[in-house]
Amino acid sequence: MKTLIVEIQYFAPVDLYFALISSKYCSFEQYETWQKMSFRNRCMVAGAGGPIELSIPVENGREQRAMIKDVKIAERENWRVRHWRTIESCYNKSPWFEFHRDGLENLYARPEKFLFDWNLKCFEWVMSRLKISTPFGFTEEYQKEYPEKEFLDLRNKITPKTIRLANKPFPKWEGKYIQVFENKTGFIPHLSVLDFLFCEGNSGELMQKN
């Protein structure tokens, strides 16, 4: 098993969690510069008409070059209420929504100043719900490359662009589960881990079998 190196994302695609359970340790990159058009401040959920993108506004705009751990959330547009209502609308008929509803609603009710801290809080919440025990920490400095024999470097590998173009972000995960609107949209791969959690449950058994 290798050490996973990856950026911390906002309710990351289920693919990242598949990589996580296959790793001996996860190290989140905290010395990178801000990258626009990524899952650092957005996630994808499933609606009746197809995928819906939820994006967190950040201070100083998306063209900034701040270090990721210093990027601040812009508390405008009532984004936390809007995101929660969208999630509730998309998943209130899913098998496991009521089981996780209160915990997630409470999460959105507690604001964070920095995007990194918010993403970490979301990550820890998902880890507890899926009962994933892979230890994690943070990089101590920026390294452009890591030895492939010891590390799985997924920084900037799972992005909205790779999902749109190839439909198979790395690492490839073959797991399928029944989605809420699958009869209308067909199965949509690579959605936020929230989709998996609400549709499949809290054990993560399907994820660990693939």
Protein backbone atom coordinates (compact mmCIF):
# COMPACT_ATOMS: atom_id res chain seq x y z
CA MET A 1 0.00 0.00 0.00
CA LYS A 2 1.13 3.52 -0.79
CA THR A 3 0.80 6.96 0.76
CA LEU A 4 -1.83 9.05 -1.00
CA ILE A 5 -0.91 12.66 -1.79
CA VAL A 6 -3.86 14.79 -2.85
CA GLU A 7 -5.41 18.24 -2.51
CA ILE A 8 -8.24 18.55 -0.03
CA GLN A 9 -11.57 18.86 -1.84
CA TYR A 10 -15.12 19.94 -1.05
CA PHE A 11 -17.08 16.68 -0.61
CA ALA A 12 -14.76 15.08 -3.14
CA PRO A 13 -15.85 12.58 -5.81
CA VAL A 14 -16.27 9.03 -4.56
CA ASP A 15 -13.19 8.12 -6.65
CA LEU A 16 -10.94 9.88 -4.16
CA TYR A 17 -12.37 7.88 -1.27
CA PHE A 18 -11.78 4.67 -3.21
CA ALA A 19 -8.12 5.67 -3.46
CA LEU A 20 -8.14 6.52 0.24
CA ILE A 21 -9.27 3.11 1.46
CA SER A 22 -6.59 1.53 -0.75
CA SER A 23 -3.82 3.62 0.84
CA LYS A 24 -1.87 3.22 4.06
CA TYR A 25 -1.85 6.96 4.74
CA CYS A 26 -3.24 10.17 3.24
CA SER A 27 -1.27 13.41 3.16
CA PHE A 28 -3.19 16.53 2.13
CA GLU A 29 -1.20 19.12 0.19
CA GLN A 30 -1.26 22.39 2.12
CA TYR A 31 1.59 24.24 0.39
CA GLU A 32 0.17 24.43 -3.11
CA THR A 33 -1.13 27.64 -4.68
CA TRP A 34 -4.82 28.07 -5.36
CA GLN A 35 -6.05 26.33 -8.51
CA LYS A 36 -9.24 27.46 -10.20
CA MET A 37 -11.74 25.10 -11.86
CA SER A 38 -11.16 22.28 -9.39
CA PHE A 39 -13.02 20.38 -6.69
CA ARG A 40 -11.29 22.44 -4.02
CA ASN A 41 -14.34 24.70 -3.84
CA ARG A 42 -16.98 22.76 -5.76
CA CYS A 43 -18.73 19.41 -5.76
CA MET A 44 -21.17 17.60 -8.04
CA VAL A 45 -24.49 16.13 -6.89
CA ALA A 46 -27.28 14.46 -8.86
CA GLY A 47 -30.56 16.20 -9.65
CA ALA A 48 -33.58 15.12 -11.67
CA GLY A 49 -32.11 16.82 -14.74
CA GLY A 50 -28.54 15.57 -14.32
CA PRO A 51 -25.43 16.70 -12.42
CA ILE A 52 -25.61 19.92 -10.38
CA GLU A 53 -22.48 21.86 -9.48
CA LEU A 54 -22.26 23.47 -6.06
CA SER A 55 -19.55 26.13 -5.86
CA ILE A 56 -18.20 27.93 -2.79
CA PRO A 57 -17.36 31.61 -3.40
CA VAL A 58 -13.85 32.63 -2.33
CA GLU A 59 -12.44 36.02 -1.42
CA ASN A 60 -10.16 37.75 -3.97
CA GLY A 61 -11.66 35.80 -6.85
CA ARG A 62 -10.65 32.66 -8.65
CA GLU A 63 -7.58 34.23 -10.29
CA GLN A 64 -5.74 34.70 -6.99
CA ARG A 65 -2.39 33.00 -6.32
CA ALA A 66 -2.65 32.53 -2.57
CA MET A 67 -1.55 29.33 -0.87
CA ILE A 68 -4.49 26.95 -0.49
CA LYS A 69 -4.38 27.03 3.31
CA ASP A 70 -4.77 30.84 3.19
CA VAL A 71 -7.76 31.01 0.82
CA LYS A 72 -10.75 32.54 2.60
CA ILE A 73 -14.41 31.75 1.99
CA ALA A 74 -16.51 34.71 0.85
CA GLU A 75 -19.65 34.66 2.95
CA ARG A 76 -21.93 36.04 0.29
CA GLU A 77 -24.85 34.77 -1.77
CA ASN A 78 -25.97 32.78 1.28
CA TRP A 79 -24.08 29.86 -0.24
CA ARG A 80 -24.28 27.53 2.78
CA VAL A 81 -28.09 27.76 2.89
CA ARG A 82 -28.29 27.37 -0.89
CA HIS A 83 -26.02 24.32 -0.94
CA TRP A 84 -27.87 22.65 1.90
CA ARG A 85 -31.27 23.25 0.27
CA THR A 86 -30.02 21.83 -3.03
CA ILE A 87 -28.66 18.73 -1.32
CA GLU A 88 -31.91 18.32 0.60
CA SER A 89 -33.97 18.68 -2.58
CA CYS A 90 -31.83 16.18 -4.49
CA TYR A 91 -31.60 13.50 -1.82
CA ASN A 92 -34.61 13.73 0.49
CA LYS A 93 -36.01 10.58 -1.13
CA SER A 94 -32.76 8.63 -1.01
CA PRO A 95 -32.61 5.60 1.33
CA TRP A 96 -30.09 7.05 3.78
CA PHE A 97 -30.80 10.78 3.74
CA GLU A 98 -32.78 10.89 6.97
CA PHE A 99 -30.03 8.96 8.74
CA HIS A 100 -27.42 11.60 7.89
CA ARG A 101 -29.63 14.67 7.57
CA ASP A 102 -29.20 16.24 11.02
CA GLY A 103 -25.44 15.81 11.06
CA LEU A 104 -24.99 17.39 7.65
CA GLU A 105 -27.40 20.23 8.34
CA ASN A 106 -25.49 21.02 11.54
CA LEU A 107 -22.26 21.00 9.55
CA TYR A 108 -23.60 23.67 7.18
CA ALA A 109 -24.78 25.71 10.14
CA ARG A 110 -21.21 26.11 11.44
CA PRO A 111 -19.22 28.47 9.18
CA GLU A 112 -15.46 28.35 8.69
CA LYS A 113 -13.26 31.30 7.68
CA PHE A 114 -10.83 29.32 5.52
CA LEU A 115 -11.70 26.97 2.67
CA PHE A 116 -9.06 24.45 3.78
CA ASP A 117 -10.61 24.22 7.25
CA TRP A 118 -14.11 23.81 5.80
CA ASN A 119 -13.00 21.04 3.46
CA LEU A 120 -11.21 19.30 6.29
CA LYS A 121 -14.36 19.43 8.42
CA CYS A 122 -16.37 17.93 5.55
CA PHE A 123 -13.75 15.23 5.02
CA GLU A 124 -13.73 14.22 8.68
CA TRP A 125 -17.52 14.05 8.70
CA VAL A 126 -17.56 11.72 5.69
CA MET A 127 -14.79 9.57 7.16
CA SER A 128 -16.82 9.02 10.31
CA ARG A 129 -19.97 8.21 8.34
CA LEU A 130 -18.29 5.76 5.99
CA LYS A 131 -16.26 4.31 8.86
CA ILE A 132 -12.97 4.74 7.01
CA SER A 133 -9.98 4.52 9.32
CA THR A 134 -7.09 5.44 6.99
CA PRO A 135 -4.85 7.85 8.95
CA PHE A 136 -4.22 11.27 7.43
CA GLY A 137 -2.12 14.37 7.89
CA PHE A 138 -0.63 17.25 5.92
CA THR A 139 2.44 17.89 3.80
CA GLU A 140 5.27 19.74 5.53
CA GLU A 141 6.61 21.32 2.34
CA TYR A 142 5.80 21.40 -1.35
CA GLN A 143 7.37 18.69 -3.49
CA LYS A 144 6.84 18.68 -7.23
CA GLU A 145 7.21 14.91 -7.48
CA TYR A 146 7.10 11.88 -5.18
CA PRO A 147 8.65 8.41 -5.69
CA GLU A 148 6.04 6.27 -7.45
CA LYS A 149 6.97 3.14 -5.51
CA GLU A 150 5.95 4.72 -2.23
CA PHE A 151 3.38 7.37 -3.15
CA LEU A 152 0.18 7.71 -5.15
CA ASP A 153 0.21 11.36 -6.23
CA LEU A 154 -3.33 12.35 -7.23
CA ARG A 155 -2.84 16.10 -7.00
CA ASN A 156 -4.82 17.71 -9.82
CA LYS A 157 -5.74 14.28 -11.22
CA ILE A 158 -9.41 14.23 -10.20
CA THR A 159 -10.88 17.45 -11.56
CA PRO A 160 -14.07 18.64 -13.28
CA LYS A 161 -12.10 18.70 -16.55
CA THR A 162 -10.81 15.12 -16.36
CA ILE A 163 -14.30 13.89 -15.52
CA ARG A 164 -15.87 15.72 -18.48
CA LEU A 165 -13.25 14.73 -21.03
CA ALA A 166 -12.42 11.16 -20.11
CA ASN A 167 -15.30 10.21 -17.82
CA LYS A 168 -12.71 8.05 -16.04
CA PRO A 169 -10.65 10.08 -13.57
CA PHE A 170 -7.70 8.32 -12.03
CA PRO A 171 -7.94 5.99 -10.20
CA LYS A 172 -10.71 4.23 -12.08
CA TRP A 173 -13.47 2.99 -9.79
CA GLU A 174 -15.91 0.44 -11.18
CA GLY A 175 -18.43 0.56 -8.36
CA LYS A 176 -22.10 1.11 -9.26
CA TYR A 177 -25.02 1.69 -6.98
CA ILE A 178 -28.64 2.73 -7.45
CA GLN A 179 -28.94 6.52 -7.69
CA VAL A 180 -32.06 8.54 -6.90
CA PHE A 181 -32.74 9.71 -10.47
CA GLU A 182 -31.06 6.88 -12.33
CA ASN A 183 -34.30 5.99 -14.14
CA LYS A 184 -34.28 9.50 -15.67
CA THR A 185 -30.60 10.27 -16.15
CA GLY A 186 -28.92 6.88 -16.22
CA PHE A 187 -26.08 6.15 -13.81
CA ILE A 188 -23.84 9.21 -13.37
CA PRO A 189 -20.29 8.27 -12.30
CA HIS A 190 -17.78 10.35 -10.32
CA LEU A 191 -20.29 12.38 -8.31
CA SER A 192 -19.61 13.73 -4.83
CA VAL A 193 -19.19 11.15 -2.10
CA LEU A 194 -22.46 12.53 -0.71
CA ASP A 195 -24.31 10.81 -3.55
CA PHE A 196 -22.76 7.46 -2.59
CA LEU A 197 -23.42 8.05 1.11
CA PHE A 198 -27.11 8.90 0.71
CA CYS A 199 -27.79 6.12 -1.79
CA GLU A 200 -25.63 3.31 -0.45
CA GLY A 201 -25.44 3.87 3.27
CA ASN A 202 -22.77 4.37 5.88
CA SER A 203 -20.77 1.15 5.77
CA GLY A 204 -18.89 1.77 2.54
CA GLU A 205 -18.99 -1.99 1.86
CA LEU A 206 -19.60 -1.55 -1.86
CA MET A 207 -16.65 0.82 -2.14
CA GLN A 208 -14.33 -1.59 -0.39
CA LYS A 209 -15.32 -4.52 -2.62
CA ASN A 210 -14.21 -2.78 -5.81
